[in-house]
PDB file of all heavy atoms in Angstrom:
ATOM      1  N   GLY A   1      24.097  -8.056 -13.110  1.00  0.00           N
ATOM      2  CA  GLY A   1      23.272  -8.553 -14.199  1.00  0.00           C
ATOM      3  C   GLY A   1      24.119  -9.128 -15.388  1.00  0.00           C
ATOM      4  O   GLY A   1      23.646  -9.926 -16.166  1.00  0.00           O
ATOM      5  N   ALA A   2      25.409  -8.661 -15.492  1.00  0.00           N
ATOM      6  CA  ALA A   2      26.273  -9.126 -16.562  1.00  0.00           C
ATOM      7  C   ALA A   2      26.468 -10.611 -16.471  1.00  0.00           C
ATOM      8  O   ALA A   2      26.602 -11.311 -17.523  1.00  0.00           O
ATOM      9  CB  ALA A   2      27.582  -8.366 -16.570  1.00  0.00           C
ATOM     10  N   LYS A   3      26.495 -11.136 -15.246  1.00  0.00           N
ATOM     11  CA  LYS A   3      26.668 -12.585 -15.103  1.00  0.00           C
ATOM     12  C   LYS A   3      25.419 -13.310 -15.471  1.00  0.00           C
ATOM     13  O   LYS A   3      25.443 -14.575 -15.679  1.00  0.00           O
ATOM     14  CB  LYS A   3      26.955 -12.886 -13.561  1.00  0.00           C
ATOM     15  CG  LYS A   3      28.210 -12.180 -13.075  1.00  0.00           C
ATOM     16  CD  LYS A   3      28.407 -12.356 -11.609  1.00  0.00           C
ATOM     17  CE  LYS A   3      29.627 -11.685 -11.045  1.00  0.00           C
ATOM     18  NZ  LYS A   3      29.802 -11.819  -9.574  1.00  0.00           N
ATOM     19  N   LEU A   4      24.286 -12.595 -15.677  1.00  0.00           N
ATOM     20  CA  LEU A   4      23.064 -13.289 -16.001  1.00  0.00           C
ATOM     21  C   LEU A   4      22.781 -13.313 -17.511  1.00  0.00           C
ATOM     22  O   LEU A   4      21.700 -13.671 -17.958  1.00  0.00           O
ATOM     23  CB  LEU A   4      21.859 -12.583 -15.331  1.00  0.00           C
ATOM     24  CG  LEU A   4      21.677 -12.833 -13.826  1.00  0.00           C
ATOM     25  CD1 LEU A   4      20.530 -11.972 -13.324  1.00  0.00           C
ATOM     26  CD2 LEU A   4      21.414 -14.326 -13.568  1.00  0.00           C
ATOM     27  N   ARG A   5      23.768 -12.767 -18.297  1.00  0.00           N
ATOM     28  CA  ARG A   5      23.528 -12.750 -19.724  1.00  0.00           C
ATOM     29  C   ARG A   5      23.052 -14.078 -20.329  1.00  0.00           C
ATOM     30  O   ARG A   5      22.067 -14.116 -21.145  1.00  0.00           O
ATOM     31  CB  ARG A   5      24.742 -12.269 -20.469  1.00  0.00           C
ATOM     32  CG  ARG A   5      24.500 -12.113 -21.923  1.00  0.00           C
ATOM     33  CD  ARG A   5      25.678 -11.481 -22.678  1.00  0.00           C
ATOM     34  NE  ARG A   5      25.400 -11.389 -24.105  1.00  0.00           N
ATOM     35  CZ  ARG A   5      26.261 -10.927 -24.985  1.00  0.00           C
ATOM     36  NH1 ARG A   5      27.390 -10.398 -24.599  1.00  0.00           N
ATOM     37  NH2 ARG A   5      25.931 -10.940 -26.295  1.00  0.00           N
ATOM     38  N   ALA A   6      23.605 -15.130 -19.872  1.00  0.00           N
ATOM     39  CA  ALA A   6      23.278 -16.429 -20.398  1.00  0.00           C
ATOM     40  C   ALA A   6      21.812 -16.876 -19.885  1.00  0.00           C
ATOM     41  O   ALA A   6      21.253 -17.786 -20.441  1.00  0.00           O
ATOM     42  CB  ALA A   6      24.259 -17.500 -19.934  1.00  0.00           C
ATOM     43  N   GLU A   7      21.335 -16.146 -18.831  1.00  0.00           N
ATOM     44  CA  GLU A   7      20.016 -16.443 -18.357  1.00  0.00           C
ATOM     45  C   GLU A   7      18.907 -15.510 -18.874  1.00  0.00           C
ATOM     46  O   GLU A   7      17.793 -15.574 -18.490  1.00  0.00           O
ATOM     47  CB  GLU A   7      20.039 -16.317 -16.774  1.00  0.00           C
ATOM     48  CG  GLU A   7      21.133 -17.094 -16.168  1.00  0.00           C
ATOM     49  CD  GLU A   7      21.068 -18.588 -16.484  1.00  0.00           C
ATOM     50  OE1 GLU A   7      19.975 -19.147 -16.697  1.00  0.00           O
ATOM     51  OE2 GLU A   7      22.165 -19.221 -16.593  1.00  0.00           O
ATOM     52  N   ASP A   8      19.314 -14.664 -19.811  1.00  0.00           N
ATOM     53  CA  ASP A   8      18.320 -13.780 -20.452  1.00  0.00           C
ATOM     54  C   ASP A   8      17.438 -14.630 -21.338  1.00  0.00           C
ATOM     55  O   ASP A   8      17.766 -15.769 -21.747  1.00  0.00           O
ATOM     56  CB  ASP A   8      19.026 -12.696 -21.315  1.00  0.00           C
ATOM     57  CG  ASP A   8      18.081 -11.558 -21.732  1.00  0.00           C
ATOM     58  OD1 ASP A   8      16.974 -11.533 -21.204  1.00  0.00           O
ATOM     59  OD2 ASP A   8      18.519 -10.755 -22.530  1.00  0.00           O
ATOM     60  N   LEU A   9      16.239 -14.097 -21.638  1.00  0.00           N
ATOM     61  CA  LEU A   9      15.323 -14.845 -22.509  1.00  0.00           C
ATOM     62  C   LEU A   9      15.891 -14.984 -23.939  1.00  0.00           C
ATOM     63  O   LEU A   9      16.608 -14.156 -24.469  1.00  0.00           O
ATOM     64  CB  LEU A   9      13.977 -14.100 -22.600  1.00  0.00           C
ATOM     65  CG  LEU A   9      13.299 -13.769 -21.281  1.00  0.00           C
ATOM     66  CD1 LEU A   9      11.948 -13.170 -21.528  1.00  0.00           C
ATOM     67  CD2 LEU A   9      13.141 -15.034 -20.407  1.00  0.00           C
ATOM     68  N   THR A  10      15.527 -16.030 -24.594  1.00  0.00           N
ATOM     69  CA  THR A  10      15.809 -16.152 -26.018  1.00  0.00           C
ATOM     70  C   THR A  10      14.889 -15.225 -26.738  1.00  0.00           C
ATOM     71  O   THR A  10      13.882 -14.681 -26.199  1.00  0.00           O
ATOM     72  CB  THR A  10      15.574 -17.609 -26.548  1.00  0.00           C
ATOM     73  OG1 THR A  10      14.140 -17.888 -26.392  1.00  0.00           O
ATOM     74  CG2 THR A  10      16.400 -18.643 -25.726  1.00  0.00           C
ATOM     75  N   HIS A  11      15.187 -14.991 -28.066  1.00  0.00           N
ATOM     76  CA  HIS A  11      14.318 -14.080 -28.836  1.00  0.00           C
ATOM     77  C   HIS A  11      12.895 -14.628 -28.890  1.00  0.00           C
ATOM     78  O   HIS A  11      11.943 -13.843 -28.796  1.00  0.00           O
ATOM     79  CB  HIS A  11      14.905 -13.899 -30.219  1.00  0.00           C
ATOM     80  CG  HIS A  11      16.145 -13.125 -30.221  1.00  0.00           C
ATOM     81  ND1 HIS A  11      16.899 -12.890 -31.369  1.00  0.00           N
ATOM     82  CD2 HIS A  11      16.819 -12.515 -29.246  1.00  0.00           C
ATOM     83  CE1 HIS A  11      17.912 -12.202 -31.108  1.00  0.00           C
ATOM     84  NE2 HIS A  11      17.938 -11.915 -29.800  1.00  0.00           N
ATOM     85  N   GLU A  12      12.719 -15.927 -29.050  1.00  0.00           N
ATOM     86  CA  GLU A  12      11.439 -16.499 -29.140  1.00  0.00           C
ATOM     87  C   GLU A  12      10.664 -16.362 -27.789  1.00  0.00           C
ATOM     88  O   GLU A  12       9.506 -16.073 -27.739  1.00  0.00           O
ATOM     89  CB  GLU A  12      11.457 -17.974 -29.526  1.00  0.00           C
ATOM     90  CG  GLU A  12      10.173 -18.620 -29.767  1.00  0.00           C
ATOM     91  CD  GLU A  12       9.214 -17.903 -30.765  1.00  0.00           C
ATOM     92  OE1 GLU A  12       9.770 -17.363 -31.763  1.00  0.00           O
ATOM     93  OE2 GLU A  12       8.005 -17.793 -30.475  1.00  0.00           O
ATOM     94  N   GLU A  13      11.406 -16.592 -26.661  1.00  0.00           N
ATOM     95  CA  GLU A  13      10.782 -16.409 -25.343  1.00  0.00           C
ATOM     96  C   GLU A  13      10.322 -14.969 -25.131  1.00  0.00           C
ATOM     97  O   GLU A  13       9.265 -14.692 -24.540  1.00  0.00           O
ATOM     98  CB  GLU A  13      11.768 -16.815 -24.260  1.00  0.00           C
ATOM     99  CG  GLU A  13      11.978 -18.358 -24.151  1.00  0.00           C
ATOM    100  CD  GLU A  13      13.116 -18.671 -23.194  1.00  0.00           C
ATOM    101  OE1 GLU A  13      14.087 -17.910 -23.079  1.00  0.00           O
ATOM    102  OE2 GLU A  13      13.042 -19.769 -22.632  1.00  0.00           O
ATOM    103  N   THR A  14      11.152 -14.023 -25.616  1.00  0.00           N
ATOM    104  CA  THR A  14      10.791 -12.603 -25.501  1.00  0.00           C
ATOM    105  C   THR A  14       9.522 -12.282 -26.267  1.00  0.00           C
ATOM    106  O   THR A  14       8.631 -11.591 -25.814  1.00  0.00           O
ATOM    107  CB  THR A  14      11.958 -11.686 -25.944  1.00  0.00           C
ATOM    108  OG1 THR A  14      13.106 -12.038 -25.236  1.00  0.00           O
ATOM    109  CG2 THR A  14      11.599 -10.250 -25.731  1.00  0.00           C
ATOM    110  N   ARG A  15       9.386 -12.870 -27.448  1.00  0.00           N
ATOM    111  CA  ARG A  15       8.199 -12.628 -28.293  1.00  0.00           C
ATOM    112  C   ARG A  15       6.978 -13.220 -27.559  1.00  0.00           C
ATOM    113  O   ARG A  15       5.896 -12.531 -27.522  1.00  0.00           O
ATOM    114  CB  ARG A  15       8.400 -13.267 -29.645  1.00  0.00           C
ATOM    115  CG  ARG A  15       9.517 -12.620 -30.464  1.00  0.00           C
ATOM    116  CD  ARG A  15       9.785 -13.437 -31.701  1.00  0.00           C
ATOM    117  NE  ARG A  15       8.744 -13.335 -32.717  1.00  0.00           N
ATOM    118  CZ  ARG A  15       8.799 -12.384 -33.718  1.00  0.00           C
ATOM    119  NH1 ARG A  15       9.803 -11.573 -33.772  1.00  0.00           N
ATOM    120  NH2 ARG A  15       7.863 -12.322 -34.577  1.00  0.00           N
ATOM    121  N   ARG A  16       7.131 -14.371 -26.959  1.00  0.00           N
ATOM    122  CA  ARG A  16       5.992 -14.969 -26.273  1.00  0.00           C
ATOM    123  C   ARG A  16       5.657 -14.152 -25.004  1.00  0.00           C
ATOM    124  O   ARG A  16       4.471 -14.023 -24.646  1.00  0.00           O
ATOM    125  CB  ARG A  16       6.294 -16.418 -25.856  1.00  0.00           C
ATOM    126  CG  ARG A  16       6.346 -17.361 -27.074  1.00  0.00           C
ATOM    127  CD  ARG A  16       6.163 -18.839 -26.649  1.00  0.00           C
ATOM    128  NE  ARG A  16       7.268 -19.282 -25.745  1.00  0.00           N
ATOM    129  CZ  ARG A  16       8.339 -19.855 -26.149  1.00  0.00           C
ATOM    130  NH1 ARG A  16       8.628 -20.017 -27.440  1.00  0.00           N
ATOM    131  NH2 ARG A  16       9.321 -20.202 -25.271  1.00  0.00           N
ATOM    132  N   LEU A  17       6.644 -13.623 -24.386  1.00  0.00           N
ATOM    133  CA  LEU A  17       6.433 -12.727 -23.240  1.00  0.00           C
ATOM    134  C   LEU A  17       5.597 -11.542 -23.591  1.00  0.00           C
ATOM    135  O   LEU A  17       4.596 -11.140 -22.909  1.00  0.00           O
ATOM    136  CB  LEU A  17       7.759 -12.271 -22.618  1.00  0.00           C
ATOM    137  CG  LEU A  17       7.721 -11.167 -21.532  1.00  0.00           C
ATOM    138  CD1 LEU A  17       7.064 -11.696 -20.304  1.00  0.00           C
ATOM    139  CD2 LEU A  17       9.067 -10.647 -21.240  1.00  0.00           C
ATOM    140  N   LEU A  18       5.910 -10.871 -24.718  1.00  0.00           N
ATOM    141  CA  LEU A  18       5.157  -9.676 -25.193  1.00  0.00           C
ATOM    142  C   LEU A  18       3.732 -10.073 -25.498  1.00  0.00           C
ATOM    143  O   LEU A  18       2.791  -9.346 -25.123  1.00  0.00           O
ATOM    144  CB  LEU A  18       5.801  -9.069 -26.362  1.00  0.00           C
ATOM    145  CG  LEU A  18       6.769  -7.856 -26.094  1.00  0.00           C
ATOM    146  CD1 LEU A  18       5.936  -6.670 -25.621  1.00  0.00           C
ATOM    147  CD2 LEU A  18       7.830  -8.213 -25.070  1.00  0.00           C
ATOM    148  N   ASP A  19       3.523 -11.235 -26.096  1.00  0.00           N
ATOM    149  CA  ASP A  19       2.194 -11.666 -26.376  1.00  0.00           C
ATOM    150  C   ASP A  19       1.404 -11.892 -25.083  1.00  0.00           C
ATOM    151  O   ASP A  19       0.226 -11.525 -25.039  1.00  0.00           O
ATOM    152  CB  ASP A  19       2.180 -12.985 -27.198  1.00  0.00           C
ATOM    153  CG  ASP A  19       2.725 -12.799 -28.601  1.00  0.00           C
ATOM    154  OD1 ASP A  19       2.675 -11.670 -29.129  1.00  0.00           O
ATOM    155  OD2 ASP A  19       3.116 -13.780 -29.240  1.00  0.00           O
ATOM    156  N   LEU A  20       2.023 -12.481 -24.130  1.00  0.00           N
ATOM    157  CA  LEU A  20       1.385 -12.764 -22.843  1.00  0.00           C
ATOM    158  C   LEU A  20       1.078 -11.453 -22.110  1.00  0.00           C
ATOM    159  O   LEU A  20      -0.099 -11.319 -21.643  1.00  0.00           O
ATOM    160  CB  LEU A  20       2.332 -13.601 -21.945  1.00  0.00           C
ATOM    161  CG  LEU A  20       1.935 -13.824 -20.493  1.00  0.00           C
ATOM    162  CD1 LEU A  20       0.538 -14.564 -20.500  1.00  0.00           C
ATOM    163  CD2 LEU A  20       2.957 -14.556 -19.700  1.00  0.00           C
ATOM    164  N   ILE A  21       2.004 -10.528 -22.081  1.00  0.00           N
ATOM    165  CA  ILE A  21       1.708  -9.196 -21.367  1.00  0.00           C
ATOM    166  C   ILE A  21       0.564  -8.504 -22.070  1.00  0.00           C
ATOM    167  O   ILE A  21      -0.321  -7.954 -21.377  1.00  0.00           O
ATOM    168  CB  ILE A  21       3.000  -8.397 -21.372  1.00  0.00           C
ATOM    169  CG1 ILE A  21       4.059  -9.035 -20.473  1.00  0.00           C
ATOM    170  CG2 ILE A  21       2.658  -6.996 -20.873  1.00  0.00           C
ATOM    171  CD1 ILE A  21       5.402  -8.344 -20.518  1.00  0.00           C
ATOM    172  N   ALA A  22       0.603  -8.490 -23.385  1.00  0.00           N
ATOM    173  CA  ALA A  22      -0.487  -7.792 -24.125  1.00  0.00           C
ATOM    174  C   ALA A  22      -1.816  -8.459 -23.867  1.00  0.00           C
ATOM    175  O   ALA A  22      -2.842  -7.736 -23.664  1.00  0.00           O
ATOM    176  CB  ALA A  22      -0.146  -7.805 -25.643  1.00  0.00           C
ATOM    177  N   ALA A  23      -1.883  -9.716 -23.895  1.00  0.00           N
ATOM    178  CA  ALA A  23      -3.160 -10.530 -23.669  1.00  0.00           C
ATOM    179  C   ALA A  23      -3.659 -10.300 -22.232  1.00  0.00           C
ATOM    180  O   ALA A  23      -4.860 -10.064 -22.039  1.00  0.00           O
ATOM    181  CB  ALA A  23      -2.977 -11.967 -23.923  1.00  0.00           C
ATOM    182  N   GLU A  24      -2.765 -10.385 -21.250  1.00  0.00           N
ATOM    183  CA  GLU A  24      -3.243 -10.182 -19.860  1.00  0.00           C
ATOM    184  C   GLU A  24      -3.683  -8.769 -19.610  1.00  0.00           C
ATOM    185  O   GLU A  24      -4.585  -8.518 -18.830  1.00  0.00           O
ATOM    186  CB  GLU A  24      -2.112 -10.561 -18.904  1.00  0.00           C
ATOM    187  CG  GLU A  24      -1.783 -12.064 -18.879  1.00  0.00           C
ATOM    188  CD  GLU A  24      -2.849 -12.884 -18.221  1.00  0.00           C
ATOM    189  OE1 GLU A  24      -3.718 -12.366 -17.504  1.00  0.00           O
ATOM    190  OE2 GLU A  24      -2.882 -14.086 -18.472  1.00  0.00           O
ATOM    191  N   THR A  25      -2.964  -7.787 -20.249  1.00  0.00           N
ATOM    192  CA  THR A  25      -3.392  -6.379 -20.090  1.00  0.00           C
ATOM    193  C   THR A  25      -4.807  -6.174 -20.643  1.00  0.00           C
ATOM    194  O   THR A  25      -5.661  -5.467 -20.083  1.00  0.00           O
ATOM    195  CB  THR A  25      -2.363  -5.476 -20.705  1.00  0.00           C
ATOM    196  OG1 THR A  25      -1.057  -5.697 -20.131  1.00  0.00           O
ATOM    197  CG2 THR A  25      -2.719  -3.995 -20.495  1.00  0.00           C
ATOM    198  N   ARG A  26      -4.956  -6.731 -21.844  1.00  0.00           N
ATOM    199  CA  ARG A  26      -6.245  -6.629 -22.524  1.00  0.00           C
ATOM    200  C   ARG A  26      -7.373  -7.245 -21.653  1.00  0.00           C
ATOM    201  O   ARG A  26      -8.470  -6.676 -21.545  1.00  0.00           O
ATOM    202  CB  ARG A  26      -6.212  -7.345 -23.874  1.00  0.00           C
ATOM    203  CG  ARG A  26      -7.553  -7.427 -24.618  1.00  0.00           C
ATOM    204  CD  ARG A  26      -7.910  -6.076 -25.245  1.00  0.00           C
ATOM    205  NE  ARG A  26      -7.162  -5.832 -26.442  1.00  0.00           N
ATOM    206  CZ  ARG A  26      -7.054  -4.650 -27.091  1.00  0.00           C
ATOM    207  NH1 ARG A  26      -7.724  -3.647 -26.592  1.00  0.00           N
ATOM    208  NH2 ARG A  26      -6.319  -4.493 -28.173  1.00  0.00           N
ATOM    209  N   LYS A  27      -7.109  -8.385 -21.048  1.00  0.00           N
ATOM    210  CA  LYS A  27      -8.134  -8.987 -20.142  1.00  0.00           C
ATOM    211  C   LYS A  27      -8.531  -8.083 -19.051  1.00  0.00           C
ATOM    212  O   LYS A  27      -9.683  -7.927 -18.678  1.00  0.00           O
ATOM    213  CB  LYS A  27      -7.563 -10.270 -19.561  1.00  0.00           C
ATOM    214  CG  LYS A  27      -7.523 -11.513 -20.554  1.00  0.00           C
ATOM    215  CD  LYS A  27      -7.001 -12.678 -19.796  1.00  0.00           C
ATOM    216  CE  LYS A  27      -6.725 -13.859 -20.749  1.00  0.00           C
ATOM    217  NZ  LYS A  27      -6.120 -14.965 -20.060  1.00  0.00           N
ATOM    218  N   MET A  28      -7.496  -7.417 -18.470  1.00  0.00           N
ATOM    219  CA  MET A  28      -7.846  -6.470 -17.329  1.00  0.00           C
ATOM    220  C   MET A  28      -8.708  -5.351 -17.781  1.00  0.00           C
ATOM    221  O   MET A  28      -9.575  -4.910 -17.088  1.00  0.00           O
ATOM    222  CB  MET A  28      -6.538  -6.035 -16.668  1.00  0.00           C
ATOM    223  CG  MET A  28      -5.731  -7.122 -15.951  1.00  0.00           C
ATOM    224  SD  MET A  28      -4.325  -6.578 -14.972  1.00  0.00           S
ATOM    225  CE  MET A  28      -5.155  -5.801 -13.561  1.00  0.00           C
ATOM    226  N   PHE A  29      -8.336  -4.770 -18.984  1.00  0.00           N
ATOM    227  CA  PHE A  29      -9.153  -3.672 -19.539  1.00  0.00           C
ATOM    228  C   PHE A  29     -10.556  -4.161 -19.828  1.00  0.00           C
ATOM    229  O   PHE A  29     -11.549  -3.483 -19.553  1.00  0.00           O
ATOM    230  CB  PHE A  29      -8.497  -3.132 -20.778  1.00  0.00           C
ATOM    231  CG  PHE A  29      -7.549  -2.075 -20.460  1.00  0.00           C
ATOM    232  CD1 PHE A  29      -6.335  -2.256 -19.896  1.00  0.00           C
ATOM    233  CD2 PHE A  29      -7.887  -0.738 -20.897  1.00  0.00           C
ATOM    234  CE1 PHE A  29      -5.464  -1.189 -19.589  1.00  0.00           C
ATOM    235  CE2 PHE A  29      -7.037   0.312 -20.595  1.00  0.00           C
ATOM    236  CZ  PHE A  29      -5.812   0.118 -19.994  1.00  0.00           C
ATOM    237  N   ASP A  30     -10.660  -5.390 -20.412  1.00  0.00           N
ATOM    238  CA  ASP A  30     -11.994  -5.965 -20.717  1.00  0.00           C
ATOM    239  C   ASP A  30     -12.860  -6.106 -19.395  1.00  0.00           C
ATOM    240  O   ASP A  30     -14.085  -6.059 -19.418  1.00  0.00           O
ATOM    241  CB  ASP A  30     -11.871  -7.286 -21.449  1.00  0.00           C
ATOM    242  CG  ASP A  30     -11.360  -7.072 -22.862  1.00  0.00           C
ATOM    243  OD1 ASP A  30     -11.393  -5.972 -23.342  1.00  0.00           O
ATOM    244  OD2 ASP A  30     -10.964  -8.093 -23.467  1.00  0.00           O
ATOM    245  N   ASP A  31     -12.156  -6.366 -18.313  1.00  0.00           N
ATOM    246  CA  ASP A  31     -12.846  -6.534 -17.017  1.00  0.00           C
ATOM    247  C   ASP A  31     -13.098  -5.207 -16.326  1.00  0.00           C
ATOM    248  O   ASP A  31     -13.564  -5.241 -15.176  1.00  0.00           O
ATOM    249  CB  ASP A  31     -12.025  -7.461 -16.130  1.00  0.00           C
ATOM    250  CG  ASP A  31     -11.981  -8.880 -16.641  1.00  0.00           C
ATOM    251  OD1 ASP A  31     -12.913  -9.292 -17.382  1.00  0.00           O
ATOM    252  OD2 ASP A  31     -11.038  -9.670 -16.171  1.00  0.00           O
ATOM    253  N   GLY A  32     -12.810  -4.127 -16.961  1.00  0.00           N
ATOM    254  CA  GLY A  32     -13.086  -2.837 -16.374  1.00  0.00           C
ATOM    255  C   GLY A  32     -12.016  -2.253 -15.489  1.00  0.00           C
ATOM    256  O   GLY A  32     -12.060  -1.243 -14.922  1.00  0.00           O
ATOM    257  N   LEU A  33     -10.857  -2.974 -15.444  1.00  0.00           N
ATOM    258  CA  LEU A  33      -9.711  -2.542 -14.731  1.00  0.00           C
ATOM    259  C   LEU A  33      -8.820  -1.717 -15.728  1.00  0.00           C
ATOM    260  O   LEU A  33      -8.721  -2.070 -16.895  1.00  0.00           O
ATOM    261  CB  LEU A  33      -8.950  -3.708 -14.146  1.00  0.00           C
ATOM    262  CG  LEU A  33      -9.694  -4.600 -13.210  1.00  0.00           C
ATOM    263  CD1 LEU A  33      -8.871  -5.798 -12.805  1.00  0.00           C
ATOM    264  CD2 LEU A  33     -10.203  -3.852 -12.004  1.00  0.00           C
ATOM    265  N   LEU A  34      -8.142  -0.711 -15.209  1.00  0.00           N
ATOM    266  CA  LEU A  34      -7.326   0.143 -16.126  1.00  0.00           C
ATOM    267  C   LEU A  34      -5.932   0.330 -15.569  1.00  0.00           C
ATOM    268  O   LEU A  34      -5.403   1.411 -15.250  1.00  0.00           O
ATOM    269  CB  LEU A  34      -8.010   1.518 -16.243  1.00  0.00           C
ATOM    270  CG  LEU A  34      -9.477   1.553 -16.701  1.00  0.00           C
ATOM    271  CD1 LEU A  34     -10.058   2.961 -16.674  1.00  0.00           C
ATOM    272  CD2 LEU A  34      -9.523   0.965 -18.141  1.00  0.00           C
ATOM    273  N   PRO A  35      -5.169  -0.807 -15.525  1.00  0.00           N
ATOM    274  CA  PRO A  35      -3.813  -0.763 -15.033  1.00  0.00           C
ATOM    275  C   PRO A  35      -2.888  -0.026 -16.059  1.00  0.00           C
ATOM    276  O   PRO A  35      -3.176  -0.012 -17.285  1.00  0.00           O
ATOM    277  CB  PRO A  35      -3.462  -2.173 -14.901  1.00  0.00           C
ATOM    278  CG  PRO A  35      -4.134  -2.879 -16.010  1.00  0.00           C
ATOM    279  CD  PRO A  35      -5.482  -2.135 -16.024  1.00  0.00           C
ATOM    280  N   GLU A  36      -1.820   0.499 -15.609  1.00  0.00           N
ATOM    281  CA  GLU A  36      -0.722   0.965 -16.467  1.00  0.00           C
ATOM    282  C   GLU A  36       0.307  -0.049 -16.598  1.00  0.00           C
ATOM    283  O   GLU A  36       1.050  -0.283 -15.574  1.00  0.00           O
ATOM    284  CB  GLU A  36      -0.214   2.326 -15.964  1.00  0.00           C
ATOM    285  CG  GLU A  36       0.746   3.000 -16.891  1.00  0.00           C
ATOM    286  CD  GLU A  36       1.270   4.323 -16.348  1.00  0.00           C
ATOM    287  OE1 GLU A  36       0.977   4.764 -15.240  1.00  0.00           O
ATOM    288  OE2 GLU A  36       2.038   4.983 -17.151  1.00  0.00           O
ATOM    289  N   ILE A  37       0.446  -0.722 -17.684  1.00  0.00           N
ATOM    290  CA  ILE A  37       1.441  -1.778 -17.885  1.00  0.00           C
ATOM    291  C   ILE A  37       2.386  -1.352 -18.907  1.00  0.00           C
ATOM    292  O   ILE A  37       2.043  -0.894 -19.995  1.00  0.00           O
ATOM    293  CB  ILE A  37       0.710  -3.090 -18.400  1.00  0.00           C
ATOM    294  CG1 ILE A  37      -0.463  -3.494 -17.460  1.00  0.00           C
ATOM    295  CG2 ILE A  37       1.758  -4.205 -18.445  1.00  0.00           C
ATOM    296  CD1 ILE A  37      -0.028  -3.801 -16.028  1.00  0.00           C
ATOM    297  N   LEU A  38       3.714  -1.452 -18.587  1.00  0.00           N
ATOM    298  CA  LEU A  38       4.781  -1.028 -19.489  1.00  0.00           C
ATOM    299  C   LEU A  38       5.888  -2.112 -19.583  1.00  0.00           C
ATOM    300  O   LEU A  38       6.041  -2.932 -18.638  1.00  0.00           O
ATOM    301  CB  LEU A  38       5.427   0.275 -19.000  1.00  0.00           C
ATOM    302  CG  LEU A  38       4.484   1.457 -18.695  1.00  0.00           C
ATOM    303  CD1 LEU A  38       4.194   1.530 -17.234  1.00  0.00           C
ATOM    304  CD2 LEU A  38       5.128   2.769 -19.184  1.00  0.00           C
ATOM    305  N   THR A  39       6.537  -2.066 -20.726  1.00  0.00           N
ATOM    306  CA  THR A  39       7.810  -2.795 -20.817  1.00  0.00           C
ATOM    307  C   THR A  39       8.939  -1.825 -20.947  1.00  0.00           C
ATOM    308  O   THR A  39       8.721  -0.777 -21.445  1.00  0.00           O
ATOM    309  CB  THR A  39       7.830  -3.771 -22.019  1.00  0.00           C
ATOM    310  OG1 THR A  39       7.767  -3.075 -23.259  1.00  0.00           O
ATOM    311  CG2 THR A  39       6.679  -4.788 -21.924  1.00  0.00           C
ATOM    312  N   VAL A  40      10.059  -2.141 -20.397  1.00  0.00           N
ATOM    313  CA  VAL A  40      11.210  -1.172 -20.335  1.00  0.00           C
ATOM    314  C   VAL A  40      12.479  -1.868 -20.755  1.00  0.00           C
ATOM    315  O   VAL A  40      12.735  -3.034 -20.490  1.00  0.00           O
ATOM    316  CB  VAL A  40      11.300  -0.676 -18.848  1.00  0.00           C
ATOM    317  CG1 VAL A  40      12.340   0.504 -18.757  1.00  0.00           C
ATOM    318  CG2 VAL A  40       9.999  -0.232 -18.288  1.00  0.00           C
ATOM    319  N   ASP A  41      13.300  -1.053 -21.455  1.00  0.00           N
ATOM    320  CA  ASP A  41      14.710  -1.381 -21.789  1.00  0.00           C
ATOM    321  C   ASP A  41      14.829  -2.382 -22.984  1.00  0.00           C
ATOM    322  O   ASP A  41      15.896  -3.008 -23.097  1.00  0.00           O
ATOM    323  CB  ASP A  41      15.448  -1.952 -20.564  1.00  0.00           C
ATOM    324  CG  ASP A  41      15.599  -0.896 -19.503  1.00  0.00           C
ATOM    325  OD1 ASP A  41      15.444   0.331 -19.870  1.00  0.00           O
ATOM    326  OD2 ASP A  41      15.770  -1.221 -18.324  1.00  0.00           O
TER     327      ASP A  41
END
């Protein structure tokens, strides 16, 4: 993974990722699904 450091997300991409994960998780809850969604590290 050390070789992938240059391939990590930018800070702005990471923020958009969190927004996307939160929105998609909310949609699943609104649809009556109750997944366990986590971010790690």
